[in-house]
Amino acid sequence: MLAILKSRQTLKIIIYTLLLINFVLYIIDDIRAASFTMKDGGSILDWTQSFATTIDESAWLILLFLFELETYLLSDKTWDIPIFNRTMYLVRGFCYVFLVHSVYAFSMIYYDLLNLEQLINVSNLCELVPLDLSFVRNLSYSVIDAESCLNLSEESVFYYTEPNLVVTDISGLNLEKNLALVDLLEVLVWLMILATIEVMVWLHDRSITRGILINFIKISKYILYSSLWLMAAYWAYLGHYYFAWDEAVWIVGFISIEMNVSQWKDEIESEKAPQVTTHL
């Protein structure tokens, strides 16, 4: 049993380290994208929308750490200390605010893609060379110049994804819509998983380990995690292997929290089980 626990902890350390590395890479990727979409500046909401992934990842990393503390590392006595308990819930509350912002940001990105402005009197991408614009397809940005315009698109209808900064064609727009929708669905699914963990922790705090609600949560988790694996497969299909890899690492990271909760449940049931004594 001790060997199993040690191997679990080793796996957690590896997973959490990979998540931190991925977090840094996401910051770099958001900065790269913002260099195209925000080079003319914008409001605070515009900037937070551009860095929605970074903000989202930050909140999830903190929540993952808090769940690790609550479900494995810290004793119940530590959580009974009022100031510690309040501080942890305050930090968790801030994380939820950031996650709500992520839902807003990804919703706005998708909404904006549904209401893009078509470029008028433009039938060839090379006509846009003098305007110092960029072209986006499948989240890949390219500067439109006399050479690249011949290879980026052969279509004749174009849309601004960022006014006066970035354009795409119809096929590129449809792909951007699909990707934005997957982003939105992904964060919603993760929030539902978060809700199931919160409910399980709340129930276990009250020594409740069985019942209709717990059975419903278990079934829901199979559906939710399966949908995340499908999204990871979609990212990989489109060539975004890094996004698929990150999704997989996050899934394993939260499964480790699920294992903590399961172990916690076993401990509660062991304490509730009647002790059998033998008399010699």
C-alpha atoms as a PDB file:
ATOM      1  CA  MET A   1       0.000   0.000   0.000  1.00  0.00           C
ATOM      2  CA  LEU A   2       2.836   2.383   0.884  1.00  0.00           C
ATOM      3  CA  ALA A   3       4.505   1.694  -2.460  1.00  0.00           C
ATOM      4  CA  ILE A   4       1.249   2.552  -4.278  1.00  0.00           C
ATOM      5  CA  LEU A   5       0.945   5.854  -2.389  1.00  0.00           C
ATOM      6  CA  LYS A   6       4.552   6.749  -3.220  1.00  0.00           C
ATOM      7  CA  SER A   7       4.007   5.998  -6.902  1.00  0.00           C
ATOM      8  CA  ARG A   8       0.853   8.147  -6.879  1.00  0.00           C
ATOM      9  CA  GLN A   9       2.733  11.053  -5.335  1.00  0.00           C
ATOM     10  CA  THR A  10       5.541  10.691  -7.864  1.00  0.00           C
ATOM     11  CA  LEU A  11       2.974  10.756 -10.677  1.00  0.00           C
ATOM     12  CA  LYS A  12       1.388  13.881  -9.188  1.00  0.00           C
ATOM     13  CA  ILE A  13       4.726  15.680  -9.003  1.00  0.00           C
ATOM     14  CA  ILE A  14       5.404  14.846 -12.657  1.00  0.00           C
ATOM     15  CA  ILE A  15       1.910  15.938 -13.743  1.00  0.00           C
ATOM     16  CA  TYR A  16       1.997  19.197 -11.782  1.00  0.00           C
ATOM     17  CA  THR A  17       5.454  20.008 -13.158  1.00  0.00           C
ATOM     18  CA  LEU A  18       4.216  19.418 -16.711  1.00  0.00           C
ATOM     19  CA  LEU A  19       1.218  21.661 -16.058  1.00  0.00           C
ATOM     20  CA  LEU A  20       3.509  24.469 -14.884  1.00  0.00           C
ATOM     21  CA  ILE A  21       5.629  24.099 -18.017  1.00  0.00           C
ATOM     22  CA  ASN A  22       2.498  24.128 -20.188  1.00  0.00           C
ATOM     23  CA  PHE A  23       1.313  27.245 -18.349  1.00  0.00           C
ATOM     24  CA  VAL A  24       4.491  29.105 -19.299  1.00  0.00           C
ATOM     25  CA  LEU A  25       4.086  27.975 -22.914  1.00  0.00           C
ATOM     26  CA  TYR A  26       0.490  29.250 -22.941  1.00  0.00           C
ATOM     27  CA  ILE A  27       1.675  32.655 -21.741  1.00  0.00           C
ATOM     28  CA  ILE A  28       4.166  32.741 -24.607  1.00  0.00           C
ATOM     29  CA  ASP A  29       1.447  31.680 -27.075  1.00  0.00           C
ATOM     30  CA  ASP A  30      -0.964  34.367 -25.818  1.00  0.00           C
ATOM     31  CA  ILE A  31       1.769  36.991 -26.145  1.00  0.00           C
ATOM     32  CA  ARG A  32       2.438  35.823 -29.714  1.00  0.00           C
ATOM     33  CA  ALA A  33      -1.259  36.046 -30.649  1.00  0.00           C
ATOM     34  CA  ALA A  34      -1.627  39.440 -28.932  1.00  0.00           C
ATOM     35  CA  SER A  35       1.250  40.774 -31.032  1.00  0.00           C
ATOM     36  CA  PHE A  36      -1.132  40.431 -34.007  1.00  0.00           C
ATOM     37  CA  THR A  37      -4.518  41.158 -32.426  1.00  0.00           C
ATOM     38  CA  MET A  38      -3.587  43.895 -29.930  1.00  0.00           C
ATOM     39  CA  LYS A  39      -0.823  45.826 -31.659  1.00  0.00           C
ATOM     40  CA  ASP A  40      -3.088  48.900 -31.763  1.00  0.00           C
ATOM     41  CA  GLY A  41      -3.931  48.550 -28.062  1.00  0.00           C
ATOM     42  CA  GLY A  42      -7.349  48.168 -26.479  1.00  0.00           C
ATOM     43  CA  SER A  43      -9.385  48.315 -23.275  1.00  0.00           C
ATOM     44  CA  ILE A  44      -8.665  46.246 -20.173  1.00  0.00           C
ATOM     45  CA  LEU A  45     -11.434  43.843 -21.192  1.00  0.00           C
ATOM     46  CA  ASP A  46      -9.860  43.519 -24.646  1.00  0.00           C
ATOM     47  CA  TRP A  47      -6.518  42.620 -23.074  1.00  0.00           C
ATOM     48  CA  THR A  48      -8.048  40.139 -20.641  1.00  0.00           C
ATOM     49  CA  GLN A  49      -9.941  38.581 -23.535  1.00  0.00           C
ATOM     50  CA  SER A  50      -6.679  38.230 -25.471  1.00  0.00           C
ATOM     51  CA  PHE A  51      -5.086  36.546 -22.451  1.00  0.00           C
ATOM     52  CA  ALA A  52      -8.176  34.500 -21.544  1.00  0.00           C
ATOM     53  CA  THR A  53      -6.252  31.225 -21.767  1.00  0.00           C
ATOM     54  CA  THR A  54      -3.497  32.471 -19.448  1.00  0.00           C
ATOM     55  CA  ILE A  55      -6.046  33.732 -16.917  1.00  0.00           C
ATOM     56  CA  ASP A  56      -8.012  30.493 -17.182  1.00  0.00           C
ATOM     57  CA  GLU A  57      -4.911  28.336 -16.675  1.00  0.00           C
ATOM     58  CA  SER A  58      -3.811  30.439 -13.681  1.00  0.00           C
ATOM     59  CA  ALA A  59      -7.116  29.896 -11.899  1.00  0.00           C
ATOM     60  CA  TRP A  60      -7.130  26.173 -12.620  1.00  0.00           C
ATOM     61  CA  LEU A  61      -3.573  25.703 -11.357  1.00  0.00           C
ATOM     62  CA  ILE A  62      -4.416  27.412  -8.076  1.00  0.00           C
ATOM     63  CA  LEU A  63      -7.625  25.391  -7.697  1.00  0.00           C
ATOM     64  CA  LEU A  64      -5.768  22.161  -8.413  1.00  0.00           C
ATOM     65  CA  PHE A  65      -3.270  23.031  -5.678  1.00  0.00           C
ATOM     66  CA  LEU A  66      -6.079  23.884  -3.242  1.00  0.00           C
ATOM     67  CA  PHE A  67      -7.842  20.595  -3.941  1.00  0.00           C
ATOM     68  CA  GLU A  68      -4.579  18.734  -3.377  1.00  0.00           C
ATOM     69  CA  LEU A  69      -4.258  20.469  -0.012  1.00  0.00           C
ATOM     70  CA  GLU A  70      -7.834  19.749   0.993  1.00  0.00           C
ATOM     71  CA  THR A  71      -8.127  16.170  -0.214  1.00  0.00           C
ATOM     72  CA  TYR A  72      -4.651  14.854   0.617  1.00  0.00           C
ATOM     73  CA  LEU A  73      -1.922  17.007   2.132  1.00  0.00           C
ATOM     74  CA  LEU A  74      -3.649  18.737   5.058  1.00  0.00           C
ATOM     75  CA  SER A  75      -5.486  17.210   7.981  1.00  0.00           C
ATOM     76  CA  ASP A  76      -9.060  18.040   8.963  1.00  0.00           C
ATOM     77  CA  LYS A  77      -7.720  19.812  12.052  1.00  0.00           C
ATOM     78  CA  THR A  78      -5.854  22.306   9.854  1.00  0.00           C
ATOM     79  CA  TRP A  79      -9.054  23.126   7.987  1.00  0.00           C
ATOM     80  CA  ASP A  80     -10.805  23.668  11.314  1.00  0.00           C
ATOM     81  CA  ILE A  81      -8.595  26.722  11.964  1.00  0.00           C
ATOM     82  CA  PRO A  82     -10.987  29.624  11.151  1.00  0.00           C
ATOM     83  CA  ILE A  83      -8.505  32.073   9.604  1.00  0.00           C
ATOM     84  CA  PHE A  84      -6.910  29.356   7.455  1.00  0.00           C
ATOM     85  CA  ASN A  85     -10.295  28.071   6.334  1.00  0.00           C
ATOM     86  CA  ARG A  86     -11.521  31.552   5.409  1.00  0.00           C
ATOM     87  CA  THR A  87      -8.306  32.385   3.554  1.00  0.00           C
ATOM     88  CA  MET A  88      -8.506  29.222   1.469  1.00  0.00           C
ATOM     89  CA  TYR A  89     -12.142  29.853   0.554  1.00  0.00           C
ATOM     90  CA  LEU A  90     -11.338  33.479  -0.289  1.00  0.00           C
ATOM     91  CA  VAL A  91      -8.583  32.378  -2.671  1.00  0.00           C
ATOM     92  CA  ARG A  92     -10.946  29.810  -4.153  1.00  0.00           C
ATOM     93  CA  GLY A  93     -13.563  32.523  -4.611  1.00  0.00           C
ATOM     94  CA  PHE A  94     -11.089  34.685  -6.570  1.00  0.00           C
ATOM     95  CA  CYS A  95     -10.328  31.688  -8.785  1.00  0.00           C
ATOM     96  CA  TYR A  96     -14.023  31.249  -9.520  1.00  0.00           C
ATOM     97  CA  VAL A  97     -14.229  34.913 -10.527  1.00  0.00           C
ATOM     98  CA  PHE A  98     -11.416  34.337 -13.034  1.00  0.00           C
ATOM     99  CA  LEU A  99     -13.158  31.222 -14.354  1.00  0.00           C
ATOM    100  CA  VAL A 100     -16.405  33.142 -14.827  1.00  0.00           C
ATOM    101  CA  HIS A 101     -14.350  35.711 -16.737  1.00  0.00           C
ATOM    102  CA  SER A 102     -13.034  32.884 -18.927  1.00  0.00           C
ATOM    103  CA  VAL A 103     -16.590  31.841 -19.774  1.00  0.00           C
ATOM    104  CA  TYR A 104     -17.373  35.465 -20.644  1.00  0.00           C
ATOM    105  CA  ALA A 105     -14.203  35.874 -22.715  1.00  0.00           C
ATOM    106  CA  PHE A 106     -14.650  32.672 -24.717  1.00  0.00           C
ATOM    107  CA  SER A 107     -18.350  33.466 -25.203  1.00  0.00           C
ATOM    108  CA  MET A 108     -17.491  36.909 -26.573  1.00  0.00           C
ATOM    109  CA  ILE A 109     -14.840  35.471 -28.870  1.00  0.00           C
ATOM    110  CA  TYR A 110     -17.410  33.057 -30.307  1.00  0.00           C
ATOM    111  CA  TYR A 111     -20.099  35.758 -30.508  1.00  0.00           C
ATOM    112  CA  ASP A 112     -17.735  38.123 -32.325  1.00  0.00           C
ATOM    113  CA  LEU A 113     -16.896  35.418 -34.857  1.00  0.00           C
ATOM    114  CA  LEU A 114     -20.605  35.060 -35.604  1.00  0.00           C
ATOM    115  CA  ASN A 115     -20.860  38.776 -36.415  1.00  0.00           C
ATOM    116  CA  LEU A 116     -17.769  39.592 -38.445  1.00  0.00           C
ATOM    117  CA  GLU A 117     -17.460  42.396 -40.952  1.00  0.00           C
ATOM    118  CA  GLN A 118     -16.908  41.308 -44.544  1.00  0.00           C
ATOM    119  CA  LEU A 119     -14.317  43.196 -46.572  1.00  0.00           C
ATOM    120  CA  ILE A 120     -16.015  45.056 -49.406  1.00  0.00           C
ATOM    121  CA  ASN A 121     -14.631  45.223 -52.953  1.00  0.00           C
ATOM    122  CA  VAL A 122     -11.860  42.729 -52.198  1.00  0.00           C
ATOM    123  CA  SER A 123     -11.695  39.523 -54.241  1.00  0.00           C
ATOM    124  CA  ASN A 124      -8.043  38.576 -53.834  1.00  0.00           C
ATOM    125  CA  LEU A 125      -5.869  38.443 -50.734  1.00  0.00           C
ATOM    126  CA  CYS A 126      -3.014  40.177 -52.544  1.00  0.00           C
ATOM    127  CA  GLU A 127      -5.140  43.327 -52.757  1.00  0.00           C
ATOM    128  CA  LEU A 128      -4.630  43.669 -48.983  1.00  0.00           C
ATOM    129  CA  VAL A 129      -0.821  43.778 -49.107  1.00  0.00           C
ATOM    130  CA  PRO A 130      -0.594  47.609 -48.789  1.00  0.00           C
ATOM    131  CA  LEU A 131      -2.814  47.580 -45.664  1.00  0.00           C
ATOM    132  CA  ASP A 132      -0.284  45.869 -43.359  1.00  0.00           C
ATOM    133  CA  LEU A 133      -2.710  43.130 -42.291  1.00  0.00           C
ATOM    134  CA  SER A 134      -2.275  39.580 -41.024  1.00  0.00           C
ATOM    135  CA  PHE A 135      -4.095  36.420 -42.085  1.00  0.00           C
ATOM    136  CA  VAL A 136      -5.292  33.754 -39.640  1.00  0.00           C
ATOM    137  CA  ARG A 137      -6.289  30.156 -40.220  1.00  0.00           C
ATOM    138  CA  ASN A 138      -6.386  27.367 -37.651  1.00  0.00           C
ATOM    139  CA  LEU A 139      -4.984  29.791 -35.025  1.00  0.00           C
ATOM    140  CA  SER A 140      -1.889  30.372 -37.165  1.00  0.00           C
ATOM    141  CA  TYR A 141      -1.104  34.016 -37.973  1.00  0.00           C
ATOM    142  CA  SER A 142       0.842  35.144 -41.048  1.00  0.00           C
ATOM    143  CA  VAL A 143       1.758  38.605 -42.288  1.00  0.00           C
ATOM    144  CA  ILE A 144       0.175  39.339 -45.675  1.00  0.00           C
ATOM    145  CA  ASP A 145       2.903  40.385 -48.096  1.00  0.00           C
ATOM    146  CA  ALA A 146       3.475  40.124 -51.841  1.00  0.00           C
ATOM    147  CA  GLU A 147       4.846  36.599 -51.522  1.00  0.00           C
ATOM    148  CA  SER A 148       2.657  35.042 -48.824  1.00  0.00           C
ATOM    149  CA  CYS A 149      -0.647  36.318 -50.250  1.00  0.00           C
ATOM    150  CA  LEU A 150      -0.303  33.904 -53.159  1.00  0.00           C
ATOM    151  CA  ASN A 151      -0.211  30.885 -50.849  1.00  0.00           C
ATOM    152  CA  LEU A 152      -2.393  31.826 -47.872  1.00  0.00           C
ATOM    153  CA  SER A 153      -5.768  31.761 -49.627  1.00  0.00           C
ATOM    154  CA  GLU A 154      -7.303  31.251 -53.061  1.00  0.00           C
ATOM    155  CA  GLU A 155     -10.771  32.365 -51.958  1.00  0.00           C
ATOM    156  CA  SER A 156     -12.466  35.636 -52.893  1.00  0.00           C
ATOM    157  CA  VAL A 157     -14.438  36.532 -49.753  1.00  0.00           C
ATOM    158  CA  PHE A 158     -12.664  37.767 -46.632  1.00  0.00           C
ATOM    159  CA  TYR A 159     -13.608  38.883 -43.129  1.00  0.00           C
ATOM    160  CA  TYR A 160     -11.971  40.933 -40.401  1.00  0.00           C
ATOM    161  CA  THR A 161     -11.454  38.777 -37.316  1.00  0.00           C
ATOM    162  CA  GLU A 162      -9.814  41.817 -35.724  1.00  0.00           C
ATOM    163  CA  PRO A 163     -10.860  45.144 -37.336  1.00  0.00           C
ATOM    164  CA  ASN A 164      -8.082  46.584 -39.513  1.00  0.00           C
ATOM    165  CA  LEU A 165      -5.586  44.045 -38.148  1.00  0.00           C
ATOM    166  CA  VAL A 166      -6.394  40.419 -39.000  1.00  0.00           C
ATOM    167  CA  VAL A 167      -8.441  38.820 -41.792  1.00  0.00           C
ATOM    168  CA  THR A 168      -9.479  35.314 -42.812  1.00  0.00           C
ATOM    169  CA  ASP A 169     -11.459  33.681 -45.604  1.00  0.00           C
ATOM    170  CA  ILE A 170     -14.702  31.674 -45.390  1.00  0.00           C
ATOM    171  CA  SER A 171     -13.060  28.312 -44.705  1.00  0.00           C
ATOM    172  CA  GLY A 172     -10.760  29.938 -42.173  1.00  0.00           C
ATOM    173  CA  LEU A 173     -13.727  31.643 -40.500  1.00  0.00           C
ATOM    174  CA  ASN A 174     -15.674  28.390 -40.215  1.00  0.00           C
ATOM    175  CA  LEU A 175     -12.663  26.746 -38.622  1.00  0.00           C
ATOM    176  CA  GLU A 176     -12.169  29.658 -36.211  1.00  0.00           C
ATOM    177  CA  LYS A 177     -15.830  29.355 -35.178  1.00  0.00           C
ATOM    178  CA  ASN A 178     -15.436  25.646 -34.496  1.00  0.00           C
ATOM    179  CA  LEU A 179     -12.283  26.204 -32.454  1.00  0.00           C
ATOM    180  CA  ALA A 180     -13.884  29.004 -30.451  1.00  0.00           C
ATOM    181  CA  LEU A 181     -16.921  26.819 -29.738  1.00  0.00           C
ATOM    182  CA  VAL A 182     -14.684  23.980 -28.541  1.00  0.00           C
ATOM    183  CA  ASP A 183     -12.859  26.443 -26.259  1.00  0.00           C
ATOM    184  CA  LEU A 184     -16.167  27.540 -24.761  1.00  0.00           C
ATOM    185  CA  LEU A 185     -17.505  24.001 -24.355  1.00  0.00           C
ATOM    186  CA  GLU A 186     -14.223  22.903 -22.825  1.00  0.00           C
ATOM    187  CA  VAL A 187     -14.279  25.500 -20.060  1.00  0.00           C
ATOM    188  CA  LEU A 188     -17.952  24.710 -19.351  1.00  0.00           C
ATOM    189  CA  VAL A 189     -17.216  20.983 -19.060  1.00  0.00           C
ATOM    190  CA  TRP A 190     -14.308  21.678 -16.717  1.00  0.00           C
ATOM    191  CA  LEU A 191     -16.576  23.847 -14.575  1.00  0.00           C
ATOM    192  CA  MET A 192     -19.065  20.979 -14.338  1.00  0.00           C
ATOM    193  CA  ILE A 193     -16.244  18.657 -13.274  1.00  0.00           C
ATOM    194  CA  LEU A 194     -15.204  21.244 -10.709  1.00  0.00           C
ATOM    195  CA  ALA A 195     -18.776  21.348  -9.407  1.00  0.00           C
ATOM    196  CA  THR A 196     -18.855  17.560  -8.992  1.00  0.00           C
ATOM    197  CA  ILE A 197     -15.600  17.627  -7.013  1.00  0.00           C
ATOM    198  CA  GLU A 198     -16.870  20.464  -4.816  1.00  0.00           C
ATOM    199  CA  VAL A 199     -20.059  18.524  -4.069  1.00  0.00           C
ATOM    200  CA  MET A 200     -18.118  15.337  -3.298  1.00  0.00           C
ATOM    201  CA  VAL A 201     -15.785  17.217  -0.942  1.00  0.00           C
ATOM    202  CA  TRP A 202     -18.791  18.846   0.744  1.00  0.00           C
ATOM    203  CA  LEU A 203     -20.458  15.452   1.205  1.00  0.00           C
ATOM    204  CA  HIS A 204     -17.300  13.786   2.502  1.00  0.00           C
ATOM    205  CA  ASP A 205     -16.826  16.622   4.993  1.00  0.00           C
ATOM    206  CA  ARG A 206     -20.148  15.444   6.409  1.00  0.00           C
ATOM    207  CA  SER A 207     -19.137  11.766   6.267  1.00  0.00           C
ATOM    208  CA  ILE A 208     -21.608  11.053   3.446  1.00  0.00           C
ATOM    209  CA  THR A 209     -20.110   8.484   1.065  1.00  0.00           C
ATOM    210  CA  ARG A 210     -23.126   6.784  -0.513  1.00  0.00           C
ATOM    211  CA  GLY A 211     -26.468   7.719  -2.032  1.00  0.00           C
ATOM    212  CA  ILE A 212     -28.326   8.648  -5.209  1.00  0.00           C
ATOM    213  CA  LEU A 213     -26.494  11.976  -5.598  1.00  0.00           C
ATOM    214  CA  ILE A 214     -23.071  10.351  -5.334  1.00  0.00           C
ATOM    215  CA  ASN A 215     -24.057   7.690  -7.888  1.00  0.00           C
ATOM    216  CA  PHE A 216     -25.308  10.412 -10.249  1.00  0.00           C
ATOM    217  CA  ILE A 217     -22.023  12.318  -9.871  1.00  0.00           C
ATOM    218  CA  LYS A 218     -20.005   9.194 -10.669  1.00  0.00           C
ATOM    219  CA  ILE A 219     -21.960   8.585 -13.883  1.00  0.00           C
ATOM    220  CA  SER A 220     -21.696  12.275 -14.837  1.00  0.00           C
ATOM    221  CA  LYS A 221     -17.923  12.193 -14.469  1.00  0.00           C
ATOM    222  CA  TYR A 222     -17.577   9.383 -17.000  1.00  0.00           C
ATOM    223  CA  ILE A 223     -19.522  11.479 -19.512  1.00  0.00           C
ATOM    224  CA  LEU A 224     -17.646  14.707 -18.733  1.00  0.00           C
ATOM    225  CA  TYR A 225     -14.154  13.217 -18.880  1.00  0.00           C
ATOM    226  CA  SER A 226     -15.038  11.314 -22.063  1.00  0.00           C
ATOM    227  CA  SER A 227     -16.120  14.577 -23.704  1.00  0.00           C
ATOM    228  CA  LEU A 228     -12.766  16.126 -22.763  1.00  0.00           C
ATOM    229  CA  TRP A 229     -10.908  13.234 -24.380  1.00  0.00           C
ATOM    230  CA  LEU A 230     -12.971  13.820 -27.537  1.00  0.00           C
ATOM    231  CA  MET A 231     -11.968  17.493 -27.503  1.00  0.00           C
ATOM    232  CA  ALA A 232      -8.323  16.500 -27.101  1.00  0.00           C
ATOM    233  CA  ALA A 233      -8.706  14.205 -30.118  1.00  0.00           C
ATOM    234  CA  TYR A 234     -10.230  17.099 -32.092  1.00  0.00           C
ATOM    235  CA  TRP A 235      -7.259  19.341 -31.265  1.00  0.00           C
ATOM    236  CA  ALA A 236      -4.879  16.590 -32.373  1.00  0.00           C
ATOM    237  CA  TYR A 237      -6.863  16.052 -35.592  1.00  0.00           C
ATOM    238  CA  LEU A 238      -6.377  19.727 -36.477  1.00  0.00           C
ATOM    239  CA  GLY A 239      -2.650  19.509 -35.796  1.00  0.00           C
ATOM    240  CA  HIS A 240      -2.708  21.251 -32.404  1.00  0.00           C
ATOM    241  CA  TYR A 241      -0.798  18.483 -30.661  1.00  0.00           C
ATOM    242  CA  TYR A 242       0.306  20.772 -27.869  1.00  0.00           C
ATOM    243  CA  PHE A 243      -3.323  21.629 -26.984  1.00  0.00           C
ATOM    244  CA  ALA A 244      -4.231  17.922 -27.071  1.00  0.00           C
ATOM    245  CA  TRP A 245      -1.250  17.103 -24.857  1.00  0.00           C
ATOM    246  CA  ASP A 246      -2.172  19.847 -22.391  1.00  0.00           C
ATOM    247  CA  GLU A 247      -5.756  18.592 -22.247  1.00  0.00           C
ATOM    248  CA  ALA A 248      -4.544  15.080 -21.496  1.00  0.00           C
ATOM    249  CA  VAL A 249      -2.209  16.291 -18.733  1.00  0.00           C
ATOM    250  CA  TRP A 250      -5.016  18.291 -17.107  1.00  0.00           C
ATOM    251  CA  ILE A 251      -7.326  15.279 -17.228  1.00  0.00           C
ATOM    252  CA  VAL A 252      -4.718  13.112 -15.510  1.00  0.00           C
ATOM    253  CA  GLY A 253      -4.097  15.908 -12.992  1.00  0.00           C
ATOM    254  CA  PHE A 254      -7.743  16.055 -11.995  1.00  0.00           C
ATOM    255  CA  ILE A 255      -8.049  12.273 -11.986  1.00  0.00           C
ATOM    256  CA  SER A 256      -5.327  12.335  -9.323  1.00  0.00           C
ATOM    257  CA  ILE A 257      -7.604  14.609  -7.273  1.00  0.00           C
ATOM    258  CA  GLU A 258     -10.451  12.154  -7.874  1.00  0.00           C
ATOM    259  CA  MET A 259      -8.180   9.417  -6.502  1.00  0.00           C
ATOM    260  CA  ASN A 260      -7.575  11.533  -3.391  1.00  0.00           C
ATOM    261  CA  VAL A 261     -11.330  11.898  -2.912  1.00  0.00           C
ATOM    262  CA  SER A 262     -11.816   8.155  -3.403  1.00  0.00           C
ATOM    263  CA  GLN A 263      -9.114   7.402  -0.833  1.00  0.00           C
ATOM    264  CA  TRP A 264     -10.755   9.885   1.535  1.00  0.00           C
ATOM    265  CA  LYS A 265     -14.064   8.063   1.060  1.00  0.00           C
ATOM    266  CA  ASP A 266     -12.422   4.735   1.946  1.00  0.00           C
ATOM    267  CA  GLU A 267     -10.985   6.258   5.118  1.00  0.00           C
ATOM    268  CA  ILE A 268     -14.402   7.603   6.155  1.00  0.00           C
ATOM    269  CA  GLU A 269     -16.079   4.247   5.551  1.00  0.00           C
ATOM    270  CA  SER A 270     -13.301   2.483   7.449  1.00  0.00           C
ATOM    271  CA  GLU A 271     -13.849   4.765  10.438  1.00  0.00           C
ATOM    272  CA  LYS A 272     -17.619   4.186  10.282  1.00  0.00           C
ATOM    273  CA  ALA A 273     -17.292   0.397  10.066  1.00  0.00           C
ATOM    274  CA  PRO A 274     -17.961  -1.428  13.325  1.00  0.00           C
ATOM    275  CA  GLN A 275     -14.849  -2.676  15.055  1.00  0.00           C
ATOM    276  CA  VAL A 276     -14.780  -6.433  15.587  1.00  0.00           C
ATOM    277  CA  THR A 277     -13.096  -7.619  18.765  1.00  0.00           C
ATOM    278  CA  THR A 278     -12.229 -11.159  19.674  1.00  0.00           C
ATOM    279  CA  HIS A 279     -11.997 -12.579  23.175  1.00  0.00           C
ATOM    280  CA  LEU A 280      -9.523 -15.316  23.800  1.00  0.00           C
END
